[in-house]
Amino acid sequence: MSDSDLAPEDTQMTERTPFQWFLAGASLIASIPALILMTAHVGFAGFASENGVSMLQATFMVASIWALPANIVLIGAISGGYSIVATAIAVGLSSIRLMPMVAAFIPEVRGPKTRKRALLPIAHFIAITAWVVGMEKLKHVPRDMRLIFFAGLGITLTTVNTLVVAMVYWLSASFPPLVFAALFFLTPMYFLASLWGSAHDRSVHVAMVSGLLLFPLIHTIAPAYDLLLTGFTGGLVTMAYVRFAAMRGRSS
């Protein structure tokens, strides 16, 4: 296909420089998912402040870990007086959920000339918001520019939310606790809605529903291991569903 066969908007896309694609990714900071994530980090700043975590520590956690649930687990472990080893295991287990997302995302962002050493630092920015937004937008980006586009999105998301935590922490004395709690609640609601809508297989829905139904019961029985046991049990339920669906498909 020659350049004359391209639609005007397609020709304009192919003429963008790498820096323009970086800025296109960075501009998604104004999207609704990114704004909701920022409001959730407002709540995180208040949570960190109330648990005695300094502003420097809170901002470092956001920039280095870049996973809000893991940051919450870390602060909970610090306030609970856990050992360094137990804290590291808890944070690591909470972040294992991102491994399948990275595995699914890397083939989408990799171009024909992309080097592995370029993928490693970019993988740091793959969290739920960046993953959901990236998976939706990358299909409209030329493959050789996808890594640069996502770099603009991931770096901007991380930088802005780190600054949000610093600013809100500094102003935290004027925020009532109820406001922090309400803003923080937006994050799990957004995650649930986004993951449900982006699921391409019914097994994902089964996993989400089983987790939501099992967690209250498991939390009552074993509150210290509720997340771990819920994930394990929900995974077993989902595997059983997948096997049942496969057997049903073969029999029909």
Protein backbone atom coordinates (compact mmCIF):
# COMPACT_ATOMS: atom_id res chain seq x y z
CA MET A 1 0.00 0.00 0.00
CA SER A 2 1.42 3.38 -1.01
CA ASP A 3 1.06 6.61 0.94
CA SER A 4 -1.49 7.79 -1.62
CA ASP A 5 -3.77 4.88 -0.69
CA LEU A 6 -3.90 5.84 2.97
CA ALA A 7 -6.77 7.78 4.48
CA PRO A 8 -5.84 11.35 5.57
CA GLU A 9 -5.93 10.45 9.26
CA ASP A 10 -3.77 7.33 8.64
CA THR A 11 -1.22 9.37 6.71
CA GLN A 12 -1.11 11.87 9.56
CA MET A 13 -0.48 9.05 12.05
CA THR A 14 2.43 7.62 10.06
CA GLU A 15 4.03 11.08 9.89
CA ARG A 16 4.16 11.50 13.68
CA THR A 17 7.60 11.57 15.23
CA PRO A 18 8.51 9.30 18.20
CA PHE A 19 8.33 12.30 20.53
CA GLN A 20 4.82 13.10 19.28
CA TRP A 21 3.77 9.53 20.05
CA PHE A 22 5.29 9.88 23.51
CA LEU A 23 3.24 13.04 24.05
CA ALA A 24 0.13 11.25 22.72
CA GLY A 25 0.55 8.63 25.43
CA ALA A 26 1.23 11.28 28.06
CA SER A 27 -1.94 13.16 27.09
CA LEU A 28 -4.02 10.24 28.40
CA ILE A 29 -3.38 11.61 31.88
CA ALA A 30 -6.56 13.59 31.20
CA SER A 31 -8.63 10.42 30.66
CA ILE A 32 -11.29 9.29 33.12
CA PRO A 33 -9.35 6.20 34.33
CA ALA A 34 -6.27 8.32 35.04
CA LEU A 35 -8.32 10.93 36.90
CA ILE A 36 -9.96 8.23 39.02
CA LEU A 37 -6.52 6.81 39.83
CA MET A 38 -5.40 10.26 40.95
CA THR A 39 -8.38 10.57 43.29
CA ALA A 40 -7.50 7.15 44.72
CA HIS A 41 -3.97 8.36 45.42
CA VAL A 42 -5.51 11.29 47.28
CA GLY A 43 -6.99 8.72 49.64
CA PHE A 44 -3.69 6.84 49.77
CA ALA A 45 -1.90 10.00 50.87
CA GLY A 46 -4.31 10.35 53.78
CA PHE A 47 -3.94 6.66 54.64
CA ALA A 48 -0.15 7.00 54.70
CA SER A 49 -0.31 10.14 56.80
CA GLU A 50 -2.64 8.58 59.38
CA ASN A 51 -0.33 5.55 59.75
CA GLY A 52 2.80 7.58 60.42
CA VAL A 53 4.43 7.14 57.01
CA SER A 54 6.41 10.24 56.04
CA MET A 55 5.80 12.16 52.83
CA LEU A 56 9.17 11.08 51.42
CA GLN A 57 8.42 7.43 52.18
CA ALA A 58 4.92 7.64 50.68
CA THR A 59 6.08 9.24 47.44
CA PHE A 60 8.98 6.77 47.14
CA MET A 61 6.54 3.89 47.54
CA VAL A 62 4.32 5.21 44.74
CA ALA A 63 7.21 5.73 42.34
CA SER A 64 9.09 2.51 43.09
CA ILE A 65 6.30 -0.03 43.68
CA TRP A 66 3.66 1.57 41.44
CA ALA A 67 0.83 -0.67 42.53
CA LEU A 68 -1.68 0.87 44.89
CA PRO A 69 -2.83 -2.40 46.56
CA ALA A 70 0.81 -3.35 47.21
CA ASN A 71 1.44 0.05 48.78
CA ILE A 72 -1.55 -0.44 51.07
CA VAL A 73 -0.32 -3.90 52.05
CA LEU A 74 3.11 -2.41 52.79
CA ILE A 75 1.70 0.32 55.04
CA GLY A 76 -0.52 -2.22 56.78
CA ALA A 77 2.47 -4.44 57.43
CA ILE A 78 4.50 -1.50 58.76
CA SER A 79 1.72 -0.38 61.09
CA GLY A 80 1.19 -3.99 62.20
CA GLY A 81 4.84 -4.39 63.17
CA TYR A 82 5.58 -7.23 60.74
CA SER A 83 9.16 -8.31 60.08
CA ILE A 84 10.95 -7.27 56.89
CA VAL A 85 10.73 -10.81 55.51
CA ALA A 86 6.99 -11.12 56.20
CA THR A 87 6.39 -7.67 54.72
CA ALA A 88 8.36 -8.51 51.58
CA ILE A 89 6.40 -11.75 51.12
CA ALA A 90 3.07 -9.96 51.59
CA VAL A 91 3.93 -7.24 49.08
CA GLY A 92 5.31 -9.80 46.64
CA LEU A 93 2.19 -11.95 46.82
CA SER A 94 -0.05 -8.93 46.26
CA SER A 95 1.92 -8.08 43.10
CA ILE A 96 2.00 -11.58 41.58
CA ARG A 97 -1.38 -10.77 40.03
CA LEU A 98 0.43 -8.40 37.65
CA MET A 99 2.54 -11.16 36.07
CA PRO A 100 -0.22 -12.46 33.72
CA MET A 101 -1.00 -8.87 32.77
CA VAL A 102 2.65 -8.25 31.84
CA ALA A 103 2.76 -11.51 29.88
CA ALA A 104 -0.35 -10.50 27.92
CA PHE A 105 0.73 -6.90 27.42
CA ILE A 106 4.32 -7.32 26.21
CA PRO A 107 3.36 -8.95 22.86
CA GLU A 108 0.99 -6.05 22.22
CA VAL A 109 3.58 -3.35 22.89
CA ARG A 110 6.56 -5.05 21.24
CA GLY A 111 7.50 -3.85 17.77
CA PRO A 112 9.50 -5.65 15.08
CA LYS A 113 12.74 -3.96 16.19
CA THR A 114 12.06 -3.69 19.93
CA ARG A 115 14.94 -4.88 22.10
CA LYS A 116 14.39 -6.85 25.30
CA ARG A 117 16.42 -4.36 27.33
CA ALA A 118 13.94 -1.66 26.31
CA LEU A 119 11.00 -3.75 27.55
CA LEU A 120 12.38 -4.32 31.05
CA PRO A 121 12.12 -0.73 32.37
CA ILE A 122 8.75 -0.19 30.66
CA ALA A 123 7.35 -3.32 32.37
CA HIS A 124 7.63 -1.44 35.67
CA PHE A 125 4.76 0.83 34.63
CA ILE A 126 2.32 -2.00 33.84
CA ALA A 127 -0.36 -1.75 36.50
CA ILE A 128 -4.11 -2.05 36.18
CA THR A 129 -4.92 1.47 34.97
CA ALA A 130 -2.02 1.61 32.52
CA TRP A 131 -2.84 -1.93 31.34
CA VAL A 132 -6.53 -1.25 30.73
CA VAL A 133 -5.92 2.08 28.98
CA GLY A 134 -2.98 0.70 27.03
CA MET A 135 -4.83 -2.38 25.77
CA GLU A 136 -7.64 -0.14 24.57
CA LYS A 137 -5.46 2.46 22.84
CA LEU A 138 -2.52 0.47 21.45
CA LYS A 139 -4.56 -1.00 18.61
CA HIS A 140 -4.73 2.51 17.14
CA VAL A 141 -0.94 3.01 17.35
CA PRO A 142 1.58 1.79 14.73
CA ARG A 143 3.38 -1.24 16.11
CA ASP A 144 6.84 0.32 15.91
CA MET A 145 5.64 3.26 18.02
CA ARG A 146 3.70 1.36 20.69
CA LEU A 147 6.56 1.12 23.17
CA ILE A 148 7.17 4.87 22.99
CA PHE A 149 3.44 5.57 23.27
CA PHE A 150 3.11 3.41 26.38
CA ALA A 151 6.27 4.95 27.86
CA GLY A 152 4.55 8.33 27.65
CA LEU A 153 1.46 6.92 29.36
CA GLY A 154 3.26 4.97 32.09
CA ILE A 155 5.88 7.56 33.00
CA THR A 156 3.32 10.36 33.12
CA LEU A 157 0.89 8.35 35.25
CA THR A 158 3.61 7.47 37.75
CA THR A 159 5.08 10.97 37.91
CA VAL A 160 1.76 12.78 38.28
CA ASN A 161 0.44 10.42 40.96
CA THR A 162 3.70 10.70 42.89
CA LEU A 163 3.30 14.49 42.85
CA VAL A 164 -0.38 14.15 43.84
CA VAL A 165 0.58 12.12 46.92
CA ALA A 166 3.23 14.68 47.88
CA MET A 167 0.87 17.62 47.48
CA VAL A 168 -2.08 16.02 49.28
CA TYR A 169 0.16 14.78 52.08
CA TRP A 170 1.34 18.35 52.57
CA LEU A 171 -2.29 19.58 52.68
CA SER A 172 -3.65 16.57 54.59
CA ALA A 173 -4.42 18.54 57.74
CA SER A 174 -7.29 20.32 55.95
CA PHE A 175 -8.93 17.14 54.56
CA PRO A 176 -11.58 15.36 56.68
CA PRO A 177 -11.01 11.56 56.97
CA LEU A 178 -14.38 10.82 55.35
CA VAL A 179 -13.26 12.52 52.13
CA PHE A 180 -10.12 10.38 52.00
CA ALA A 181 -12.15 7.22 52.50
CA ALA A 182 -14.69 8.13 49.80
CA LEU A 183 -12.01 8.96 47.22
CA PHE A 184 -10.05 5.83 48.02
CA PHE A 185 -13.15 3.69 47.46
CA LEU A 186 -13.27 4.81 43.81
CA THR A 187 -10.23 2.69 42.96
CA PRO A 188 -11.62 -0.82 43.62
CA MET A 189 -14.89 0.16 41.96
CA TYR A 190 -13.04 1.32 38.85
CA PHE A 191 -10.84 -1.80 38.83
CA LEU A 192 -13.89 -4.07 39.00
CA ALA A 193 -15.72 -2.23 36.23
CA SER A 194 -12.66 -2.07 33.97
CA LEU A 195 -11.65 -5.70 34.39
CA TRP A 196 -15.22 -6.90 33.91
CA GLY A 197 -15.63 -4.87 30.74
CA SER A 198 -12.23 -5.79 29.26
CA ALA A 199 -12.61 -9.54 29.91
CA HIS A 200 -12.57 -11.61 26.72
CA ASP A 201 -13.53 -14.89 28.39
CA ARG A 202 -16.33 -15.88 30.77
CA SER A 203 -13.81 -17.54 33.07
CA VAL A 204 -12.62 -14.05 34.08
CA HIS A 205 -16.16 -13.20 35.17
CA VAL A 206 -16.36 -16.46 37.12
CA ALA A 207 -13.09 -15.65 38.90
CA MET A 208 -14.26 -12.15 39.81
CA VAL A 209 -17.68 -13.26 41.09
CA SER A 210 -16.26 -16.17 43.08
CA GLY A 211 -13.71 -13.87 44.70
CA LEU A 212 -16.34 -11.31 45.64
CA LEU A 213 -18.60 -13.97 47.14
CA LEU A 214 -15.88 -15.92 48.93
CA PHE A 215 -13.98 -13.03 50.51
CA PRO A 216 -16.51 -12.11 53.25
CA LEU A 217 -16.73 -15.74 54.38
CA ILE A 218 -12.97 -16.34 54.32
CA HIS A 219 -12.29 -13.03 56.06
CA THR A 220 -14.57 -14.15 58.90
CA ILE A 221 -12.80 -17.50 59.22
CA ALA A 222 -9.16 -16.48 58.63
CA PRO A 223 -8.75 -12.68 58.51
CA ALA A 224 -4.95 -12.86 58.53
CA TYR A 225 -4.90 -14.87 55.29
CA ASP A 226 -8.11 -13.70 53.64
CA LEU A 227 -6.62 -12.35 50.38
CA LEU A 228 -4.35 -15.34 49.86
CA LEU A 229 -7.05 -17.92 50.58
CA THR A 230 -9.64 -16.05 48.52
CA GLY A 231 -7.33 -15.99 45.52
CA PHE A 232 -6.45 -19.66 45.92
CA THR A 233 -10.06 -20.80 46.37
CA GLY A 234 -11.36 -18.54 43.63
CA GLY A 235 -8.69 -19.93 41.32
CA LEU A 236 -9.83 -23.47 42.05
CA VAL A 237 -13.43 -22.51 41.31
CA THR A 238 -12.38 -20.92 38.02
CA MET A 239 -10.28 -23.94 37.02
CA ALA A 240 -13.25 -26.19 37.76
CA TYR A 241 -15.45 -24.00 35.57
CA VAL A 242 -12.92 -24.05 32.70
CA ARG A 243 -12.72 -27.86 32.83
CA PHE A 244 -16.49 -28.17 32.99
CA ALA A 245 -16.90 -25.83 30.01
CA ALA A 246 -14.29 -27.78 28.03
CA MET A 247 -15.96 -31.12 28.77
CA ARG A 248 -19.34 -29.69 27.87
CA GLY A 249 -17.95 -28.36 24.60
CA ARG A 250 -16.47 -31.75 23.66
CA SER A 251 -19.67 -33.61 24.49
CA SER A 252 -21.76 -31.29 22.35
